[in-house]
Amino acid sequence: MDVLGTAPDVVGEAVESQCEQERLSKHINRLSYREKWVLQMRFGMPDGSRKTQRDIAKLLGISRSYVSRIEKRAIQKTKNYLESD
């Protein structure tokens, strides 16, 4: 940490954040293709370009409410995976 010239907290937080992102990514990969795709579009993974439910619905040719259900199901599955980890 002395070599990096930053406070230990900053380095520790960066490492912890990276580990959490890797852990989340591992569990998102366990989702179905559609669930994974919807989450990636909604939350801008990995490029930061976020889409609305309406935009996703148009791309998939489904209703916005169905996108919402897919998103909720995917989030709940991911939460369960993380809790069981």
Protein backbone atom coordinates (compact mmCIF):
# COMPACT_ATOMS: atom_id res chain seq x y z
CA MET A 1 0.00 0.00 0.00
CA ASP A 2 2.94 2.30 0.61
CA VAL A 3 4.07 1.68 -2.95
CA LEU A 4 0.66 2.66 -4.31
CA GLY A 5 0.70 5.87 -2.29
CA THR A 6 -2.92 5.59 -1.16
CA ALA A 7 -4.65 5.10 2.14
CA PRO A 8 -5.16 1.46 3.17
CA ASP A 9 -8.93 1.98 3.24
CA VAL A 10 -9.02 3.01 -0.42
CA VAL A 11 -7.06 -0.05 -1.55
CA GLY A 12 -9.10 -2.35 0.69
CA GLU A 13 -12.38 -0.99 -0.62
CA ALA A 14 -11.25 -1.37 -4.23
CA VAL A 15 -10.25 -5.00 -3.66
CA GLU A 16 -13.48 -5.74 -1.81
CA SER A 17 -15.54 -4.12 -4.56
CA GLN A 18 -13.77 -6.18 -7.22
CA CYS A 19 -14.37 -9.39 -5.25
CA GLU A 20 -18.06 -8.57 -4.84
CA GLN A 21 -18.41 -7.85 -8.56
CA GLU A 22 -16.79 -11.18 -9.42
CA ARG A 23 -19.06 -13.00 -6.96
CA LEU A 24 -22.16 -11.32 -8.40
CA SER A 25 -21.07 -12.05 -11.96
CA LYS A 26 -20.57 -15.73 -11.11
CA HIS A 27 -24.13 -16.01 -9.85
CA ILE A 28 -25.66 -13.99 -12.68
CA ASN A 29 -24.11 -16.51 -15.07
CA ARG A 30 -26.27 -19.19 -13.41
CA LEU A 31 -29.46 -17.48 -14.65
CA SER A 32 -31.26 -18.35 -17.86
CA TYR A 33 -30.10 -16.52 -20.96
CA ARG A 34 -33.14 -14.22 -20.97
CA GLU A 35 -32.90 -13.40 -17.24
CA LYS A 36 -29.19 -12.68 -17.56
CA TRP A 37 -29.72 -10.52 -20.64
CA VAL A 38 -32.51 -8.48 -19.00
CA LEU A 39 -30.39 -7.80 -15.89
CA GLN A 40 -27.40 -6.82 -18.00
CA MET A 41 -29.48 -4.39 -20.04
CA ARG A 42 -31.29 -2.92 -17.02
CA PHE A 43 -28.18 -2.34 -14.93
CA GLY A 44 -25.69 -1.53 -17.68
CA MET A 45 -23.42 -4.51 -17.28
CA PRO A 46 -20.64 -4.40 -18.27
CA ASP A 47 -20.45 -1.15 -20.28
CA GLY A 48 -22.69 1.10 -18.13
CA SER A 49 -25.32 1.58 -20.84
CA ARG A 50 -28.63 1.10 -18.99
CA LYS A 51 -31.93 0.44 -20.75
CA THR A 52 -35.49 0.99 -19.54
CA GLN A 53 -37.99 -1.83 -19.24
CA ARG A 54 -39.82 -0.29 -22.17
CA ASP A 55 -36.67 -0.39 -24.34
CA ILE A 56 -36.03 -4.01 -23.42
CA ALA A 57 -39.66 -4.93 -24.11
CA LYS A 58 -39.39 -3.45 -27.60
CA LEU A 59 -36.16 -5.36 -28.28
CA LEU A 60 -37.66 -8.66 -27.12
CA GLY A 61 -41.13 -8.10 -28.55
CA ILE A 62 -42.82 -8.59 -25.17
CA SER A 63 -44.74 -6.36 -22.75
CA ARG A 64 -43.04 -4.09 -20.26
CA SER A 65 -44.81 -5.91 -17.42
CA TYR A 66 -43.31 -9.21 -18.60
CA VAL A 67 -39.85 -7.61 -18.57
CA SER A 68 -40.58 -6.50 -15.01
CA ARG A 69 -41.50 -10.07 -14.00
CA ILE A 70 -38.34 -11.46 -15.62
CA GLU A 71 -36.25 -8.83 -13.84
CA LYS A 72 -37.84 -9.51 -10.44
CA ARG A 73 -37.42 -13.27 -10.86
CA ALA A 74 -33.77 -12.87 -11.87
CA ILE A 75 -33.03 -10.56 -8.94
CA GLN A 76 -34.69 -12.98 -6.50
CA LYS A 77 -32.74 -15.94 -7.90
CA THR A 78 -29.49 -14.00 -7.70
CA LYS A 79 -30.27 -12.95 -4.13
CA ASN A 80 -30.93 -16.59 -3.20
CA TYR A 81 -27.68 -17.70 -4.83
CA LEU A 82 -25.74 -15.03 -2.93
CA GLU A 83 -27.37 -15.95 0.39
CA SER A 84 -26.58 -19.64 -0.07
CA ASP A 85 -22.97 -18.89 -0.95
